[in-house]
Amino acid sequence: GGLVQAGGSLRLSCATSGSIFSIYAMGWYRQAPGKQRELVARIST
């Protein structure tokens, strides 16, 4: 995460642990102030 100028790039990462063998999909959601959480992207097995 962090601060970036418009037009720039950023890479988010998410590290898992625990019972990851049970996972069948993962995704990224986002929530802006005053707004509902929304799906950004999702990837399946």
ModelCIF file with pLDDT and N, C-alpha, C, O atoms, coordinates in Angstrom:
data_MODEL
#
_entry.id   MODEL 
#
_entity.id                         1 
_entity.type                       polymer 
_entity.pdbx_number_of_molecules   1 
#
_entity_poly.entity_id                      1 
_entity_poly.type                           'polypeptide(L)' 
_entity_poly.nstd_linkage                   no 
_entity_poly.nstd_monomer                   no 
_entity_poly.pdbx_seq_one_letter_code       GGLVQAGGSLRLSCATSGSIFSIYAMGWYRQAPGKQRELVARIST 
_entity_poly.pdbx_seq_one_letter_code_can   GGLVQAGGSLRLSCATSGSIFSIYAMGWYRQAPGKQRELVARIST 
_entity_poly.pdbx_strand_id                 A 
#
loop_
_entity_poly_seq.entity_id 
_entity_poly_seq.num 
_entity_poly_seq.mon_id 
_entity_poly_seq.hetero 
1 1  GLY n 
1 2  GLY n 
1 3  LEU n 
1 4  VAL n 
1 5  GLN n 
1 6  ALA n 
1 7  GLY n 
1 8  GLY n 
1 9  SER n 
1 10 LEU n 
1 11 ARG n 
1 12 LEU n 
1 13 SER n 
1 14 CYS n 
1 15 ALA n 
1 16 THR n 
1 17 SER n 
1 18 GLY n 
1 19 SER n 
1 20 ILE n 
1 21 PHE n 
1 22 SER n 
1 23 ILE n 
1 24 TYR n 
1 25 ALA n 
1 26 MET n 
1 27 GLY n 
1 28 TRP n 
1 29 TYR n 
1 30 ARG n 
1 31 GLN n 
1 32 ALA n 
1 33 PRO n 
1 34 GLY n 
1 35 LYS n 
1 36 GLN n 
1 37 ARG n 
1 38 GLU n 
1 39 LEU n 
1 40 VAL n 
1 41 ALA n 
1 42 ARG n 
1 43 ILE n 
1 44 SER n 
1 45 THR n 
#
_struct_asym.id          A 
_struct_asym.entity_id   1 
#
loop_
_ma_qa_metric.id 
_ma_qa_metric.mode 
_ma_qa_metric.name 
_ma_qa_metric.software_group_id 
_ma_qa_metric.type 
1 global pLDDT . pLDDT 
2 local  pLDDT . pLDDT 
#
_ma_qa_metric_global.metric_id      1 
_ma_qa_metric_global.metric_value   95.00 
_ma_qa_metric_global.model_id       1 
_ma_qa_metric_global.ordinal_id     1 
#
loop_
_ma_qa_metric_local.label_asym_id 
_ma_qa_metric_local.label_comp_id 
_ma_qa_metric_local.label_seq_id 
_ma_qa_metric_local.metric_id 
_ma_qa_metric_local.metric_value 
_ma_qa_metric_local.model_id 
_ma_qa_metric_local.ordinal_id 
A GLY 1  2 88.00 1 1  
A GLY 2  2 94.00 1 2  
A LEU 3  2 96.00 1 3  
A VAL 4  2 97.00 1 4  
A GLN 5  2 97.00 1 5  
A ALA 6  2 98.00 1 6  
A GLY 7  2 98.00 1 7  
A GLY 8  2 98.00 1 8  
A SER 9  2 97.00 1 9  
A LEU 10 2 97.00 1 10 
A ARG 11 2 96.00 1 11 
A LEU 12 2 97.00 1 12 
A SER 13 2 96.00 1 13 
A CYS 14 2 96.00 1 14 
A ALA 15 2 95.00 1 15 
A THR 16 2 94.00 1 16 
A SER 17 2 92.00 1 17 
A GLY 18 2 91.00 1 18 
A SER 19 2 88.00 1 19 
A ILE 20 2 89.00 1 20 
A PHE 21 2 89.00 1 21 
A SER 22 2 90.00 1 22 
A ILE 23 2 92.00 1 23 
A TYR 24 2 92.00 1 24 
A ALA 25 2 95.00 1 25 
A MET 26 2 96.00 1 26 
A GLY 27 2 97.00 1 27 
A TRP 28 2 98.00 1 28 
A TYR 29 2 98.00 1 29 
A ARG 30 2 98.00 1 30 
A GLN 31 2 98.00 1 31 
A ALA 32 2 96.00 1 32 
A PRO 33 2 92.00 1 33 
A GLY 34 2 94.00 1 34 
A LYS 35 2 96.00 1 35 
A GLN 36 2 97.00 1 36 
A ARG 37 2 97.00 1 37 
A GLU 38 2 98.00 1 38 
A LEU 39 2 98.00 1 39 
A VAL 40 2 98.00 1 40 
A ALA 41 2 98.00 1 41 
A ARG 42 2 97.00 1 42 
A ILE 43 2 96.00 1 43 
A SER 44 2 93.00 1 44 
A THR 45 2 88.00 1 45 
#
loop_
_atom_site.group_PDB 
_atom_site.id 
_atom_site.type_symbol 
_atom_site.label_atom_id 
_atom_site.label_alt_id 
_atom_site.label_comp_id 
_atom_site.label_asym_id 
_atom_site.label_entity_id 
_atom_site.label_seq_id 
_atom_site.pdbx_PDB_ins_code 
_atom_site.Cartn_x 
_atom_site.Cartn_y 
_atom_site.Cartn_z 
_atom_site.occupancy 
_atom_site.B_iso_or_equiv 
_atom_site.pdbx_formal_charge 
_atom_site.auth_seq_id 
_atom_site.auth_comp_id 
_atom_site.auth_asym_id 
_atom_site.auth_atom_id 
_atom_site.pdbx_PDB_model_num 
ATOM 1   N N  . GLY A 1 1  ? 0.841   -1.178  0.000   1.00 88.00 ? 1  GLY A N  1 
ATOM 2   C CA . GLY A 1 1  ? 0.000   0.000   0.000   1.00 88.00 ? 1  GLY A CA 1 
ATOM 3   C C  . GLY A 1 1  ? 0.881   1.234   0.000   1.00 88.00 ? 1  GLY A C  1 
ATOM 4   O O  . GLY A 1 1  ? 2.103   1.138   -0.116  1.00 88.00 ? 1  GLY A O  1 
ATOM 5   N N  . GLY A 1 2  ? 0.260   2.385   0.130   1.00 94.00 ? 2  GLY A N  1 
ATOM 6   C CA . GLY A 1 2  ? 1.041   3.603   0.196   1.00 94.00 ? 2  GLY A CA 1 
ATOM 7   C C  . GLY A 1 2  ? 0.456   4.718   -0.621  1.00 94.00 ? 2  GLY A C  1 
ATOM 8   O O  . GLY A 1 2  ? -0.700  4.673   -1.041  1.00 94.00 ? 2  GLY A O  1 
ATOM 9   N N  . LEU A 1 3  ? 1.279   5.723   -0.839  1.00 96.00 ? 3  LEU A N  1 
ATOM 10  C CA . LEU A 1 3  ? 0.883   6.935   -1.556  1.00 96.00 ? 3  LEU A CA 1 
ATOM 11  C C  . LEU A 1 3  ? 1.560   6.948   -2.922  1.00 96.00 ? 3  LEU A C  1 
ATOM 12  O O  . LEU A 1 3  ? 2.765   6.718   -3.030  1.00 96.00 ? 3  LEU A O  1 
ATOM 13  N N  . VAL A 1 4  ? 0.775   7.219   -3.964  1.00 97.00 ? 4  VAL A N  1 
ATOM 14  C CA . VAL A 1 4  ? 1.315   7.263   -5.314  1.00 97.00 ? 4  VAL A CA 1 
ATOM 15  C C  . VAL A 1 4  ? 0.612   8.369   -6.090  1.00 97.00 ? 4  VAL A C  1 
ATOM 16  O O  . VAL A 1 4  ? -0.542  8.694   -5.811  1.00 97.00 ? 4  VAL A O  1 
ATOM 17  N N  . GLN A 1 5  ? 1.303   8.941   -7.055  1.00 97.00 ? 5  GLN A N  1 
ATOM 18  C CA . GLN A 1 5  ? 0.687   9.970   -7.882  1.00 97.00 ? 5  GLN A CA 1 
ATOM 19  C C  . GLN A 1 5  ? -0.200  9.340   -8.944  1.00 97.00 ? 5  GLN A C  1 
ATOM 20  O O  . GLN A 1 5  ? 0.005   8.194   -9.343  1.00 97.00 ? 5  GLN A O  1 
ATOM 21  N N  . ALA A 1 6  ? -1.177  10.094  -9.390  1.00 98.00 ? 6  ALA A N  1 
ATOM 22  C CA . ALA A 1 6  ? -2.046  9.624   -10.465 1.00 98.00 ? 6  ALA A CA 1 
ATOM 23  C C  . ALA A 1 6  ? -1.206  9.244   -11.679 1.00 98.00 ? 6  ALA A C  1 
ATOM 24  O O  . ALA A 1 6  ? -0.257  9.935   -12.051 1.00 98.00 ? 6  ALA A O  1 
ATOM 25  N N  . GLY A 1 7  ? -1.590  8.114   -12.285 1.00 98.00 ? 7  GLY A N  1 
ATOM 26  C CA . GLY A 1 7  ? -0.839  7.598   -13.417 1.00 98.00 ? 7  GLY A CA 1 
ATOM 27  C C  . GLY A 1 7  ? 0.241   6.619   -13.026 1.00 98.00 ? 7  GLY A C  1 
ATOM 28  O O  . GLY A 1 7  ? 0.817   5.947   -13.881 1.00 98.00 ? 7  GLY A O  1 
ATOM 29  N N  . GLY A 1 8  ? 0.517   6.534   -11.742 1.00 98.00 ? 8  GLY A N  1 
ATOM 30  C CA . GLY A 1 8  ? 1.567   5.651   -11.265 1.00 98.00 ? 8  GLY A CA 1 
ATOM 31  C C  . GLY A 1 8  ? 1.081   4.228   -11.055 1.00 98.00 ? 8  GLY A C  1 
ATOM 32  O O  . GLY A 1 8  ? -0.061  3.883   -11.362 1.00 98.00 ? 8  GLY A O  1 
ATOM 33  N N  . SER A 1 9  ? 1.980   3.415   -10.524 1.00 97.00 ? 9  SER A N  1 
ATOM 34  C CA . SER A 1 9  ? 1.695   1.997   -10.310 1.00 97.00 ? 9  SER A CA 1 
ATOM 35  C C  . SER A 1 9  ? 2.011   1.605   -8.873  1.00 97.00 ? 9  SER A C  1 
ATOM 36  O O  . SER A 1 9  ? 2.818   2.234   -8.187  1.00 97.00 ? 9  SER A O  1 
ATOM 37  N N  . LEU A 1 10 ? 1.350   0.554   -8.457  1.00 97.00 ? 10 LEU A N  1 
ATOM 38  C CA . LEU A 1 10 ? 1.567   0.017   -7.126  1.00 97.00 ? 10 LEU A CA 1 
ATOM 39  C C  . LEU A 1 10 ? 1.239   -1.471  -7.165  1.00 97.00 ? 10 LEU A C  1 
ATOM 40  O O  . LEU A 1 10 ? 0.338   -1.892  -7.890  1.00 97.00 ? 10 LEU A O  1 
ATOM 41  N N  . ARG A 1 11 ? 1.958   -2.256  -6.396  1.00 96.00 ? 11 ARG A N  1 
ATOM 42  C CA . ARG A 1 11 ? 1.686   -3.689  -6.337  1.00 96.00 ? 11 ARG A CA 1 
ATOM 43  C C  . ARG A 1 11 ? 1.364   -4.072  -4.904  1.00 96.00 ? 11 ARG A C  1 
ATOM 44  O O  . ARG A 1 11 ? 2.163   -3.851  -3.994  1.00 96.00 ? 11 ARG A O  1 
ATOM 45  N N  . LEU A 1 12 ? 0.190   -4.644  -4.714  1.00 97.00 ? 12 LEU A N  1 
ATOM 46  C CA . LEU A 1 12 ? -0.205  -5.139  -3.406  1.00 97.00 ? 12 LEU A CA 1 
ATOM 47  C C  . LEU A 1 12 ? 0.059   -6.634  -3.330  1.00 97.00 ? 12 LEU A C  1 
ATOM 48  O O  . LEU A 1 12 ? -0.072  -7.353  -4.321  1.00 97.00 ? 12 LEU A O  1 
ATOM 49  N N  . SER A 1 13 ? 0.425   -7.083  -2.165  1.00 96.00 ? 13 SER A N  1 
ATOM 50  C CA . SER A 1 13 ? 0.605   -8.514  -1.957  1.00 96.00 ? 13 SER A CA 1 
ATOM 51  C C  . SER A 1 13 ? -0.164  -8.948  -0.718  1.00 96.00 ? 13 SER A C  1 
ATOM 52  O O  . SER A 1 13 ? -0.405  -8.160  0.197   1.00 96.00 ? 13 SER A O  1 
ATOM 53  N N  . CYS A 1 14 ? -0.533  -10.194 -0.713  1.00 96.00 ? 14 CYS A N  1 
ATOM 54  C CA . CYS A 1 14 ? -1.269  -10.776 0.410   1.00 96.00 ? 14 CYS A CA 1 
ATOM 55  C C  . CYS A 1 14 ? -0.668  -12.144 0.686   1.00 96.00 ? 14 CYS A C  1 
ATOM 56  O O  . CYS A 1 14 ? -0.713  -13.032 -0.165  1.00 96.00 ? 14 CYS A O  1 
ATOM 57  N N  . ALA A 1 15 ? -0.113  -12.310 1.861   1.00 95.00 ? 15 ALA A N  1 
ATOM 58  C CA . ALA A 1 15 ? 0.497   -13.581 2.245   1.00 95.00 ? 15 ALA A CA 1 
ATOM 59  C C  . ALA A 1 15 ? -0.468  -14.370 3.106   1.00 95.00 ? 15 ALA A C  1 
ATOM 60  O O  . ALA A 1 15 ? -1.095  -13.829 4.017   1.00 95.00 ? 15 ALA A O  1 
ATOM 61  N N  . THR A 1 16 ? -0.579  -15.638 2.813   1.00 94.00 ? 16 THR A N  1 
ATOM 62  C CA . THR A 1 16 ? -1.511  -16.485 3.555   1.00 94.00 ? 16 THR A CA 1 
ATOM 63  C C  . THR A 1 16 ? -0.753  -17.454 4.458   1.00 94.00 ? 16 THR A C  1 
ATOM 64  O O  . THR A 1 16 ? 0.426   -17.739 4.248   1.00 94.00 ? 16 THR A O  1 
ATOM 65  N N  . SER A 1 17 ? -1.460  -17.947 5.462   1.00 92.00 ? 17 SER A N  1 
ATOM 66  C CA . SER A 1 17 ? -0.943  -19.012 6.318   1.00 92.00 ? 17 SER A CA 1 
ATOM 67  C C  . SER A 1 17 ? -2.128  -19.733 6.930   1.00 92.00 ? 17 SER A C  1 
ATOM 68  O O  . SER A 1 17 ? -3.256  -19.243 6.881   1.00 92.00 ? 17 SER A O  1 
ATOM 69  N N  . GLY A 1 18 ? -1.869  -20.893 7.503   1.00 91.00 ? 18 GLY A N  1 
ATOM 70  C CA . GLY A 1 18 ? -2.947  -21.676 8.093   1.00 91.00 ? 18 GLY A CA 1 
ATOM 71  C C  . GLY A 1 18 ? -3.465  -22.720 7.118   1.00 91.00 ? 18 GLY A C  1 
ATOM 72  O O  . GLY A 1 18 ? -2.686  -23.335 6.390   1.00 91.00 ? 18 GLY A O  1 
ATOM 73  N N  . SER A 1 19 ? -4.751  -22.916 7.101   1.00 88.00 ? 19 SER A N  1 
ATOM 74  C CA . SER A 1 19 ? -5.380  -23.978 6.302   1.00 88.00 ? 19 SER A CA 1 
ATOM 75  C C  . SER A 1 19 ? -5.603  -23.527 4.855   1.00 88.00 ? 19 SER A C  1 
ATOM 76  O O  . SER A 1 19 ? -6.735  -23.475 4.374   1.00 88.00 ? 19 SER A O  1 
ATOM 77  N N  . ILE A 1 20 ? -4.516  -23.207 4.184   1.00 89.00 ? 20 ILE A N  1 
ATOM 78  C CA . ILE A 1 20 ? -4.644  -22.660 2.831   1.00 89.00 ? 20 ILE A CA 1 
ATOM 79  C C  . ILE A 1 20 ? -5.085  -23.713 1.824   1.00 89.00 ? 20 ILE A C  1 
ATOM 80  O O  . ILE A 1 20 ? -5.516  -23.368 0.724   1.00 89.00 ? 20 ILE A O  1 
ATOM 81  N N  . PHE A 1 21 ? -4.987  -24.996 2.182   1.00 89.00 ? 21 PHE A N  1 
ATOM 82  C CA . PHE A 1 21 ? -5.430  -26.046 1.266   1.00 89.00 ? 21 PHE A CA 1 
ATOM 83  C C  . PHE A 1 21 ? -6.938  -25.974 1.021   1.00 89.00 ? 21 PHE A C  1 
ATOM 84  O O  . PHE A 1 21 ? -7.439  -26.527 0.042   1.00 89.00 ? 21 PHE A O  1 
ATOM 85  N N  . SER A 1 22 ? -7.658  -25.288 1.916   1.00 90.00 ? 22 SER A N  1 
ATOM 86  C CA . SER A 1 22 ? -9.113  -25.168 1.794   1.00 90.00 ? 22 SER A CA 1 
ATOM 87  C C  . SER A 1 22 ? -9.550  -24.039 0.862   1.00 90.00 ? 22 SER A C  1 
ATOM 88  O O  . SER A 1 22 ? -10.719 -23.952 0.488   1.00 90.00 ? 22 SER A O  1 
ATOM 89  N N  . ILE A 1 23 ? -8.610  -23.183 0.493   1.00 92.00 ? 23 ILE A N  1 
ATOM 90  C CA . ILE A 1 23 ? -8.956  -22.006 -0.314  1.00 92.00 ? 23 ILE A CA 1 
ATOM 91  C C  . ILE A 1 23 ? -9.325  -22.415 -1.735  1.00 92.00 ? 23 ILE A C  1 
ATOM 92  O O  . ILE A 1 23 ? -8.620  -23.212 -2.354  1.00 92.00 ? 23 ILE A O  1 
ATOM 93  N N  . TYR A 1 24 ? -10.425 -21.875 -2.255  1.00 92.00 ? 24 TYR A N  1 
ATOM 94  C CA . TYR A 1 24 ? -10.762 -22.114 -3.644  1.00 92.00 ? 24 TYR A CA 1 
ATOM 95  C C  . TYR A 1 24 ? -10.814 -20.833 -4.468  1.00 92.00 ? 24 TYR A C  1 
ATOM 96  O O  . TYR A 1 24 ? -10.919 -20.893 -5.693  1.00 92.00 ? 24 TYR A O  1 
ATOM 97  N N  . ALA A 1 25 ? -10.742 -19.692 -3.823  1.00 95.00 ? 25 ALA A N  1 
ATOM 98  C CA . ALA A 1 25 ? -10.669 -18.421 -4.543  1.00 95.00 ? 25 ALA A CA 1 
ATOM 99  C C  . ALA A 1 25 ? -10.129 -17.354 -3.600  1.00 95.00 ? 25 ALA A C  1 
ATOM 100 O O  . ALA A 1 25 ? -10.295 -17.433 -2.383  1.00 95.00 ? 25 ALA A O  1 
ATOM 101 N N  . MET A 1 26 ? -9.484  -16.362 -4.185  1.00 96.00 ? 26 MET A N  1 
ATOM 102 C CA . MET A 1 26 ? -9.034  -15.208 -3.412  1.00 96.00 ? 26 MET A CA 1 
ATOM 103 C C  . MET A 1 26 ? -9.311  -13.957 -4.203  1.00 96.00 ? 26 MET A C  1 
ATOM 104 O O  . MET A 1 26 ? -9.440  -13.985 -5.427  1.00 96.00 ? 26 MET A O  1 
ATOM 105 N N  . GLY A 1 27 ? -9.399  -12.864 -3.487  1.00 97.00 ? 27 GLY A N  1 
ATOM 106 C CA . GLY A 1 27 ? -9.697  -11.618 -4.171  1.00 97.00 ? 27 GLY A CA 1 
ATOM 107 C C  . GLY A 1 27 ? -9.228  -10.412 -3.414  1.00 97.00 ? 27 GLY A C  1 
ATOM 108 O O  . GLY A 1 27 ? -8.736  -10.499 -2.289  1.00 97.00 ? 27 GLY A O  1 
ATOM 109 N N  . TRP A 1 28 ? -9.393  -9.288  -4.058  1.00 98.00 ? 28 TRP A N  1 
ATOM 110 C CA . TRP A 1 28 ? -9.122  -7.986  -3.456  1.00 98.00 ? 28 TRP A CA 1 
ATOM 111 C C  . TRP A 1 28 ? -10.413 -7.172  -3.499  1.00 98.00 ? 28 TRP A C  1 
ATOM 112 O O  . TRP A 1 28 ? -11.096 -7.101  -4.521  1.00 98.00 ? 28 TRP A O  1 
ATOM 113 N N  . TYR A 1 29 ? -10.716 -6.572  -2.373  1.00 98.00 ? 29 TYR A N  1 
ATOM 114 C CA . TYR A 1 29 ? -11.840 -5.665  -2.253  1.00 98.00 ? 29 TYR A CA 1 
ATOM 115 C C  . TYR A 1 29 ? -11.292 -4.312  -1.808  1.00 98.00 ? 29 TYR A C  1 
ATOM 116 O O  . TYR A 1 29 ? -10.161 -4.215  -1.331  1.00 98.00 ? 29 TYR A O  1 
ATOM 117 N N  . ARG A 1 30 ? -12.096 -3.286  -1.967  1.00 98.00 ? 30 ARG A N  1 
ATOM 118 C CA . ARG A 1 30 ? -11.701 -1.973  -1.475  1.00 98.00 ? 30 ARG A CA 1 
ATOM 119 C C  . ARG A 1 30 ? -12.895 -1.233  -0.917  1.00 98.00 ? 30 ARG A C  1 
ATOM 120 O O  . ARG A 1 30 ? -14.043 -1.464  -1.294  1.00 98.00 ? 30 ARG A O  1 
ATOM 121 N N  . GLN A 1 31 ? -12.576 -0.332  -0.001  1.00 98.00 ? 31 GLN A N  1 
ATOM 122 C CA . GLN A 1 31 ? -13.619 0.492   0.600   1.00 98.00 ? 31 GLN A CA 1 
ATOM 123 C C  . GLN A 1 31 ? -13.106 1.920   0.734   1.00 98.00 ? 31 GLN A C  1 
ATOM 124 O O  . GLN A 1 31 ? -12.137 2.191   1.443   1.00 98.00 ? 31 GLN A O  1 
ATOM 125 N N  . ALA A 1 32 ? -13.772 2.809   0.042   1.00 96.00 ? 32 ALA A N  1 
ATOM 126 C CA . ALA A 1 32 ? -13.447 4.232   0.134   1.00 96.00 ? 32 ALA A CA 1 
ATOM 127 C C  . ALA A 1 32 ? -14.309 4.861   1.219   1.00 96.00 ? 32 ALA A C  1 
ATOM 128 O O  . ALA A 1 32 ? -15.362 4.319   1.555   1.00 96.00 ? 32 ALA A O  1 
ATOM 129 N N  . PRO A 1 33 ? -13.883 5.997   1.776   1.00 92.00 ? 33 PRO A N  1 
ATOM 130 C CA . PRO A 1 33 ? -14.664 6.653   2.831   1.00 92.00 ? 33 PRO A CA 1 
ATOM 131 C C  . PRO A 1 33 ? -16.092 6.925   2.389   1.00 92.00 ? 33 PRO A C  1 
ATOM 132 O O  . PRO A 1 33 ? -16.319 7.499   1.324   1.00 92.00 ? 33 PRO A O  1 
ATOM 133 N N  . GLY A 1 34 ? -17.046 6.519   3.198   1.00 94.00 ? 34 GLY A N  1 
ATOM 134 C CA . GLY A 1 34 ? -18.445 6.765   2.914   1.00 94.00 ? 34 GLY A CA 1 
ATOM 135 C C  . GLY A 1 34 ? -19.059 5.849   1.888   1.00 94.00 ? 34 GLY A C  1 
ATOM 136 O O  . GLY A 1 34 ? -20.213 6.034   1.504   1.00 94.00 ? 34 GLY A O  1 
ATOM 137 N N  . LYS A 1 35 ? -18.302 4.858   1.433   1.00 96.00 ? 35 LYS A N  1 
ATOM 138 C CA . LYS A 1 35 ? -18.806 3.942   0.417   1.00 96.00 ? 35 LYS A CA 1 
ATOM 139 C C  . LYS A 1 35 ? -18.773 2.510   0.923   1.00 96.00 ? 35 LYS A C  1 
ATOM 140 O O  . LYS A 1 35 ? -18.079 2.188   1.887   1.00 96.00 ? 35 LYS A O  1 
ATOM 141 N N  . GLN A 1 36 ? -19.536 1.659   0.252   1.00 97.00 ? 36 GLN A N  1 
ATOM 142 C CA . GLN A 1 36 ? -19.544 0.252   0.608   1.00 97.00 ? 36 GLN A CA 1 
ATOM 143 C C  . GLN A 1 36 ? -18.296 -0.441  0.070   1.00 97.00 ? 36 GLN A C  1 
ATOM 144 O O  . GLN A 1 36 ? -17.680 0.002   -0.900  1.00 97.00 ? 36 GLN A O  1 
ATOM 145 N N  . ARG A 1 37 ? -17.950 -1.529  0.725   1.00 97.00 ? 37 ARG A N  1 
ATOM 146 C CA . ARG A 1 37 ? -16.839 -2.336  0.235   1.00 97.00 ? 37 ARG A CA 1 
ATOM 147 C C  . ARG A 1 37 ? -17.245 -2.964  -1.101  1.00 97.00 ? 37 ARG A C  1 
ATOM 148 O O  . ARG A 1 37 ? -18.364 -3.453  -1.252  1.00 97.00 ? 37 ARG A O  1 
ATOM 149 N N  . GLU A 1 38 ? -16.323 -2.945  -2.064  1.00 98.00 ? 38 GLU A N  1 
ATOM 150 C CA . GLU A 1 38 ? -16.624 -3.476  -3.381  1.00 98.00 ? 38 GLU A CA 1 
ATOM 151 C C  . GLU A 1 38 ? -15.521 -4.414  -3.854  1.00 98.00 ? 38 GLU A C  1 
ATOM 152 O O  . GLU A 1 38 ? -14.354 -4.279  -3.488  1.00 98.00 ? 38 GLU A O  1 
ATOM 153 N N  . LEU A 1 39 ? -15.934 -5.362  -4.677  1.00 98.00 ? 39 LEU A N  1 
ATOM 154 C CA . LEU A 1 39 ? -14.966 -6.281  -5.264  1.00 98.00 ? 39 LEU A CA 1 
ATOM 155 C C  . LEU A 1 39 ? -14.125 -5.549  -6.306  1.00 98.00 ? 39 LEU A C  1 
ATOM 156 O O  . LEU A 1 39 ? -14.656 -4.832  -7.154  1.00 98.00 ? 39 LEU A O  1 
ATOM 157 N N  . VAL A 1 40 ? -12.826 -5.737  -6.234  1.00 98.00 ? 40 VAL A N  1 
ATOM 158 C CA . VAL A 1 40 ? -11.915 -5.190  -7.229  1.00 98.00 ? 40 VAL A CA 1 
ATOM 159 C C  . VAL A 1 40 ? -11.521 -6.278  -8.227  1.00 98.00 ? 40 VAL A C  1 
ATOM 160 O O  . VAL A 1 40 ? -11.632 -6.090  -9.438  1.00 98.00 ? 40 VAL A O  1 
ATOM 161 N N  . ALA A 1 41 ? -11.066 -7.398  -7.715  1.00 98.00 ? 41 ALA A N  1 
ATOM 162 C CA . ALA A 1 41 ? -10.633 -8.500  -8.569  1.00 98.00 ? 41 ALA A CA 1 
ATOM 163 C C  . ALA A 1 41 ? -10.688 -9.794  -7.777  1.00 98.00 ? 41 ALA A C  1 
ATOM 164 O O  . ALA A 1 41 ? -10.517 -9.803  -6.558  1.00 98.00 ? 41 ALA A O  1 
ATOM 165 N N  . ARG A 1 42 ? -10.930 -10.882 -8.489  1.00 97.00 ? 42 ARG A N  1 
ATOM 166 C CA . ARG A 1 42 ? -11.031 -12.195 -7.863  1.00 97.00 ? 42 ARG A CA 1 
ATOM 167 C C  . ARG A 1 42 ? -10.414 -13.226 -8.783  1.00 97.00 ? 42 ARG A C  1 
ATOM 168 O O  . ARG A 1 42 ? -10.565 -13.154 -10.003 1.00 97.00 ? 42 ARG A O  1 
ATOM 169 N N  . ILE A 1 43 ? -9.709  -14.196 -8.189  1.00 96.00 ? 43 ILE A N  1 
ATOM 170 C CA . ILE A 1 43 ? -9.109  -15.269 -8.976  1.00 96.00 ? 43 ILE A CA 1 
ATOM 171 C C  . ILE A 1 43 ? -9.418  -16.594 -8.320  1.00 96.00 ? 43 ILE A C  1 
ATOM 172 O O  . ILE A 1 43 ? -9.349  -16.727 -7.098  1.00 96.00 ? 43 ILE A O  1 
ATOM 173 N N  . SER A 1 44 ? -9.759  -17.577 -9.140  1.00 93.00 ? 44 SER A N  1 
ATOM 174 C CA . SER A 1 44 ? -10.167 -18.876 -8.617  1.00 93.00 ? 44 SER A CA 1 
ATOM 175 C C  . SER A 1 44 ? -9.045  -19.903 -8.773  1.00 93.00 ? 44 SER A C  1 
ATOM 176 O O  . SER A 1 44 ? -7.980  -19.614 -9.319  1.00 93.00 ? 44 SER A O  1 
ATOM 177 N N  . THR A 1 45 ? -9.318  -21.097 -8.279  1.00 88.00 ? 45 THR A N  1 
ATOM 178 C CA . THR A 1 45 ? -8.322  -22.164 -8.319  1.00 88.00 ? 45 THR A CA 1 
ATOM 179 C C  . THR A 1 45 ? -7.820  -22.432 -9.723  1.00 88.00 ? 45 THR A C  1 
ATOM 180 O O  . THR A 1 45 ? -6.974  -23.305 -9.920  1.00 88.00 ? 45 THR A O  1 
#
